[in-house]
Amino acid sequence: MSLKETLIQALLIFGRSMDLLILVRVLMSWFRPQVWSRETQWFFRVEEVVVRLTEPVLAPIRRILPTGGIGLDFSPIVAAVLLEIVIQTAVTLVAALPVP
């Protein structure tokens, strides 16, 4: 596998991983336990990791995107679309690089 193919695969894996983490974060927010207990501590630990990994992507979008007063956070949808555009653009650029 060439360096170009490896880089393209890495970009695609990164994009899919971020998409999955954003989806997991959304689902976790829907099914969040009401209280912290010994039985639910695993959930909160996983949630903390997911939030730390996705917040750098979601926070800037959340600052720009208005909530519309209804309290719904559309930043995960916007992030997924933007991430897809950025990854596909990067893959196209890498694919266009001349092979040494």
N, C-alpha and C. Protein backbone atom coordinates (compact mmCIF):
# COMPACT_ATOMS: atom_id res chain seq x y z
N MET A 1 0.85 -1.18 0.00
CA MET A 1 0.00 0.00 0.00
C MET A 1 0.90 1.24 0.00
N SER A 2 0.59 2.15 -0.88
CA SER A 2 1.40 3.35 -1.00
C SER A 2 1.08 4.34 0.11
N LEU A 3 1.94 5.33 0.23
CA LEU A 3 1.74 6.36 1.24
C LEU A 3 0.44 7.12 0.99
N LYS A 4 0.14 7.37 -0.28
CA LYS A 4 -1.08 8.08 -0.63
C LYS A 4 -2.31 7.28 -0.22
N GLU A 5 -2.32 5.99 -0.50
CA GLU A 5 -3.45 5.13 -0.11
C GLU A 5 -3.58 5.05 1.40
N THR A 6 -2.46 4.99 2.09
CA THR A 6 -2.48 4.95 3.55
C THR A 6 -3.07 6.24 4.12
N LEU A 7 -2.68 7.36 3.57
CA LEU A 7 -3.20 8.65 4.03
C LEU A 7 -4.70 8.76 3.77
N ILE A 8 -5.14 8.31 2.61
CA ILE A 8 -6.57 8.34 2.29
C ILE A 8 -7.34 7.45 3.26
N GLN A 9 -6.82 6.27 3.53
CA GLN A 9 -7.49 5.38 4.48
C GLN A 9 -7.55 5.99 5.88
N ALA A 10 -6.47 6.64 6.29
CA ALA A 10 -6.44 7.29 7.61
C ALA A 10 -7.49 8.40 7.69
N LEU A 11 -7.61 9.20 6.63
CA LEU A 11 -8.62 10.26 6.59
C LEU A 11 -10.03 9.69 6.68
N LEU A 12 -10.28 8.63 5.94
CA LEU A 12 -11.60 8.01 5.95
C LEU A 12 -11.93 7.39 7.31
N ILE A 13 -10.94 6.76 7.91
CA ILE A 13 -11.15 6.16 9.24
C ILE A 13 -11.41 7.25 10.27
N PHE A 14 -10.65 8.34 10.19
CA PHE A 14 -10.87 9.46 11.11
C PHE A 14 -12.28 10.02 10.95
N GLY A 15 -12.71 10.24 9.71
CA GLY A 15 -14.04 10.79 9.46
C GLY A 15 -15.15 9.88 9.98
N ARG A 16 -15.04 8.59 9.70
CA ARG A 16 -16.06 7.64 10.17
C ARG A 16 -16.04 7.52 11.69
N SER A 17 -14.86 7.58 12.28
CA SER A 17 -14.77 7.51 13.74
C SER A 17 -15.44 8.71 14.40
N MET A 18 -15.19 9.89 13.84
CA MET A 18 -15.83 11.10 14.39
C MET A 18 -17.35 11.05 14.20
N ASP A 19 -17.80 10.58 13.05
CA ASP A 19 -19.24 10.42 12.83
C ASP A 19 -19.85 9.50 13.88
N LEU A 20 -19.18 8.38 14.13
CA LEU A 20 -19.67 7.42 15.11
C LEU A 20 -19.68 8.02 16.51
N LEU A 21 -18.61 8.72 16.87
CA LEU A 21 -18.55 9.35 18.20
C LEU A 21 -19.64 10.40 18.39
N ILE A 22 -19.92 11.17 17.34
CA ILE A 22 -20.98 12.18 17.42
C ILE A 22 -22.33 11.48 17.60
N LEU A 23 -22.56 10.40 16.86
CA LEU A 23 -23.81 9.65 17.01
C LEU A 23 -23.93 9.06 18.41
N VAL A 24 -22.86 8.50 18.92
CA VAL A 24 -22.86 7.95 20.28
C VAL A 24 -23.18 9.05 21.29
N ARG A 25 -22.60 10.23 21.10
CA ARG A 25 -22.87 11.34 22.02
C ARG A 25 -24.34 11.73 22.01
N VAL A 26 -24.94 11.79 20.83
CA VAL A 26 -26.35 12.13 20.72
C VAL A 26 -27.19 11.07 21.43
N LEU A 27 -26.93 9.81 21.14
CA LEU A 27 -27.70 8.74 21.77
C LEU A 27 -27.53 8.72 23.29
N MET A 28 -26.31 8.96 23.75
CA MET A 28 -26.08 8.99 25.19
C MET A 28 -26.84 10.13 25.85
N SER A 29 -26.99 11.25 25.15
CA SER A 29 -27.75 12.36 25.74
C SER A 29 -29.23 12.03 25.84
N TRP A 30 -29.72 11.17 24.97
CA TRP A 30 -31.13 10.77 25.01
C TRP A 30 -31.41 9.76 26.11
N PHE A 31 -30.44 8.88 26.38
CA PHE A 31 -30.65 7.79 27.33
C PHE A 31 -29.82 7.94 28.60
N ARG A 32 -29.53 9.15 28.96
CA ARG A 32 -28.68 9.45 30.12
C ARG A 32 -29.39 9.07 31.42
N PRO A 33 -28.73 8.32 32.31
CA PRO A 33 -29.33 8.01 33.61
C PRO A 33 -29.54 9.29 34.42
N GLN A 34 -30.57 9.29 35.24
CA GLN A 34 -30.89 10.48 36.03
C GLN A 34 -29.90 10.72 37.17
N VAL A 35 -29.39 9.64 37.74
CA VAL A 35 -28.49 9.77 38.89
C VAL A 35 -27.22 8.97 38.67
N TRP A 36 -26.16 9.44 39.30
CA TRP A 36 -24.90 8.71 39.28
C TRP A 36 -24.96 7.68 40.40
N SER A 37 -24.63 6.44 40.08
CA SER A 37 -24.56 5.38 41.09
C SER A 37 -23.48 4.40 40.67
N ARG A 38 -23.26 3.41 41.50
CA ARG A 38 -22.24 2.42 41.16
C ARG A 38 -22.60 1.67 39.88
N GLU A 39 -23.91 1.48 39.67
CA GLU A 39 -24.37 0.76 38.48
C GLU A 39 -24.27 1.60 37.21
N THR A 40 -24.32 2.92 37.35
CA THR A 40 -24.30 3.79 36.17
C THR A 40 -22.98 4.53 35.98
N GLN A 41 -22.02 4.30 36.85
CA GLN A 41 -20.77 5.06 36.74
C GLN A 41 -20.05 4.80 35.42
N TRP A 42 -20.17 3.59 34.88
CA TRP A 42 -19.55 3.29 33.58
C TRP A 42 -20.09 4.22 32.50
N PHE A 43 -21.38 4.50 32.54
CA PHE A 43 -22.01 5.36 31.55
C PHE A 43 -21.38 6.75 31.58
N PHE A 44 -21.23 7.30 32.78
CA PHE A 44 -20.70 8.65 32.91
C PHE A 44 -19.22 8.72 32.53
N ARG A 45 -18.49 7.64 32.75
CA ARG A 45 -17.09 7.60 32.34
C ARG A 45 -16.96 7.56 30.82
N VAL A 46 -17.77 6.73 30.19
CA VAL A 46 -17.77 6.66 28.73
C VAL A 46 -18.21 8.00 28.15
N GLU A 47 -19.25 8.58 28.74
CA GLU A 47 -19.75 9.87 28.27
C GLU A 47 -18.67 10.94 28.34
N GLU A 48 -17.90 10.95 29.40
CA GLU A 48 -16.83 11.94 29.55
C GLU A 48 -15.80 11.82 28.43
N VAL A 49 -15.43 10.59 28.08
CA VAL A 49 -14.47 10.37 27.00
C VAL A 49 -15.06 10.84 25.66
N VAL A 50 -16.31 10.48 25.42
CA VAL A 50 -16.96 10.86 24.16
C VAL A 50 -17.08 12.38 24.06
N VAL A 51 -17.44 13.03 25.14
CA VAL A 51 -17.56 14.49 25.14
C VAL A 51 -16.20 15.13 24.88
N ARG A 52 -15.16 14.64 25.51
CA ARG A 52 -13.82 15.21 25.30
C ARG A 52 -13.34 15.06 23.86
N LEU A 53 -13.74 13.97 23.22
CA LEU A 53 -13.31 13.74 21.84
C LEU A 53 -14.14 14.54 20.82
N THR A 54 -15.40 14.81 21.13
CA THR A 54 -16.27 15.48 20.17
C THR A 54 -16.43 16.97 20.41
N GLU A 55 -16.18 17.43 21.60
CA GLU A 55 -16.39 18.85 21.92
C GLU A 55 -15.56 19.80 21.07
N PRO A 56 -14.31 19.48 20.72
CA PRO A 56 -13.56 20.40 19.86
C PRO A 56 -14.21 20.61 18.49
N VAL A 57 -15.00 19.66 18.04
CA VAL A 57 -15.70 19.80 16.77
C VAL A 57 -17.03 20.51 16.96
N LEU A 58 -17.75 20.15 18.01
CA LEU A 58 -19.11 20.67 18.22
C LEU A 58 -19.16 22.08 18.80
N ALA A 59 -18.23 22.41 19.69
CA ALA A 59 -18.28 23.71 20.38
C ALA A 59 -18.23 24.91 19.44
N PRO A 60 -17.34 24.95 18.46
CA PRO A 60 -17.33 26.12 17.55
C PRO A 60 -18.63 26.25 16.77
N ILE A 61 -19.20 25.14 16.37
CA ILE A 61 -20.47 25.17 15.64
C ILE A 61 -21.58 25.66 16.54
N ARG A 62 -21.58 25.21 17.76
CA ARG A 62 -22.61 25.62 18.73
C ARG A 62 -22.55 27.12 19.01
N ARG A 63 -21.34 27.69 18.99
CA ARG A 63 -21.20 29.14 19.22
C ARG A 63 -21.80 29.95 18.07
N ILE A 64 -21.70 29.42 16.85
CA ILE A 64 -22.20 30.13 15.67
C ILE A 64 -23.68 29.87 15.43
N LEU A 65 -24.10 28.64 15.64
CA LEU A 65 -25.46 28.22 15.31
C LEU A 65 -26.46 28.71 16.35
N PRO A 66 -27.50 29.43 15.93
CA PRO A 66 -28.51 29.86 16.90
C PRO A 66 -29.37 28.67 17.33
N THR A 67 -29.82 28.68 18.58
CA THR A 67 -30.66 27.58 19.08
C THR A 67 -32.11 27.78 18.71
N GLY A 68 -32.47 28.99 18.33
CA GLY A 68 -33.84 29.26 17.93
C GLY A 68 -34.81 29.32 19.09
N GLY A 69 -34.29 29.33 20.30
CA GLY A 69 -35.15 29.44 21.47
C GLY A 69 -35.90 28.17 21.83
N ILE A 70 -35.67 27.08 21.09
CA ILE A 70 -36.40 25.85 21.38
C ILE A 70 -35.54 24.82 22.11
N GLY A 71 -34.29 25.15 22.32
CA GLY A 71 -33.42 24.28 23.11
C GLY A 71 -32.90 23.05 22.39
N LEU A 72 -33.08 22.97 21.09
CA LEU A 72 -32.54 21.84 20.34
C LEU A 72 -31.15 22.17 19.82
N ASP A 73 -30.26 21.20 19.95
CA ASP A 73 -28.88 21.37 19.51
C ASP A 73 -28.69 20.69 18.16
N PHE A 74 -28.59 21.51 17.12
CA PHE A 74 -28.40 20.96 15.77
C PHE A 74 -26.93 20.85 15.40
N SER A 75 -26.03 21.16 16.33
CA SER A 75 -24.60 21.12 16.01
C SER A 75 -24.11 19.74 15.59
N PRO A 76 -24.64 18.62 16.12
CA PRO A 76 -24.16 17.32 15.63
C PRO A 76 -24.48 17.08 14.15
N ILE A 77 -25.65 17.55 13.70
CA ILE A 77 -26.02 17.38 12.30
C ILE A 77 -25.10 18.23 11.42
N VAL A 78 -24.92 19.48 11.81
CA VAL A 78 -24.06 20.39 11.05
C VAL A 78 -22.62 19.85 11.05
N ALA A 79 -22.15 19.37 12.19
CA ALA A 79 -20.79 18.84 12.28
C ALA A 79 -20.62 17.63 11.37
N ALA A 80 -21.60 16.75 11.33
CA ALA A 80 -21.50 15.56 10.48
C ALA A 80 -21.42 15.95 9.01
N VAL A 81 -22.23 16.92 8.60
CA VAL A 81 -22.21 17.36 7.20
C VAL A 81 -20.87 18.03 6.87
N LEU A 82 -20.44 18.95 7.73
CA LEU A 82 -19.17 19.65 7.49
C LEU A 82 -17.99 18.68 7.50
N LEU A 83 -18.02 17.74 8.42
CA LEU A 83 -16.95 16.74 8.50
C LEU A 83 -16.88 15.92 7.21
N GLU A 84 -18.03 15.55 6.69
CA GLU A 84 -18.06 14.79 5.44
C GLU A 84 -17.46 15.61 4.30
N ILE A 85 -17.82 16.89 4.23
CA ILE A 85 -17.29 17.76 3.17
C ILE A 85 -15.78 17.91 3.30
N VAL A 86 -15.31 18.14 4.50
CA VAL A 86 -13.86 18.33 4.73
C VAL A 86 -13.09 17.05 4.41
N ILE A 87 -13.59 15.91 4.87
CA ILE A 87 -12.88 14.64 4.64
C ILE A 87 -12.86 14.32 3.14
N GLN A 88 -13.99 14.48 2.47
CA GLN A 88 -14.04 14.17 1.03
C GLN A 88 -13.13 15.11 0.23
N THR A 89 -13.09 16.37 0.64
CA THR A 89 -12.20 17.32 -0.03
C THR A 89 -10.74 16.94 0.19
N ALA A 90 -10.40 16.58 1.41
CA ALA A 90 -9.03 16.17 1.72
C ALA A 90 -8.65 14.90 0.95
N VAL A 91 -9.57 13.95 0.87
CA VAL A 91 -9.30 12.72 0.13
C VAL A 91 -9.08 13.03 -1.35
N THR A 92 -9.90 13.92 -1.90
CA THR A 92 -9.75 14.31 -3.31
C THR A 92 -8.40 14.98 -3.56
N LEU A 93 -8.00 15.86 -2.64
CA LEU A 93 -6.71 16.53 -2.78
C LEU A 93 -5.54 15.55 -2.68
N VAL A 94 -5.63 14.62 -1.73
CA VAL A 94 -4.56 13.64 -1.58
C VAL A 94 -4.50 12.73 -2.81
N ALA A 95 -5.66 12.33 -3.31
CA ALA A 95 -5.70 11.46 -4.49
C ALA A 95 -5.11 12.15 -5.72
N ALA A 96 -5.21 13.47 -5.76
CA ALA A 96 -4.69 14.22 -6.91
C ALA A 96 -3.18 14.47 -6.83
N LEU A 97 -2.57 14.16 -5.70
CA LEU A 97 -1.12 14.36 -5.57
C LEU A 97 -0.37 13.46 -6.54
N PRO A 98 0.71 13.98 -7.12
CA PRO A 98 1.48 13.13 -8.04
C PRO A 98 2.18 12.00 -7.27
N VAL A 99 2.25 10.88 -7.90
CA VAL A 99 2.92 9.72 -7.29
C VAL A 99 4.41 9.84 -7.56
N PRO A 100 5.24 9.77 -6.50
CA PRO A 100 6.69 9.92 -6.73
C PRO A 100 7.29 8.71 -7.41
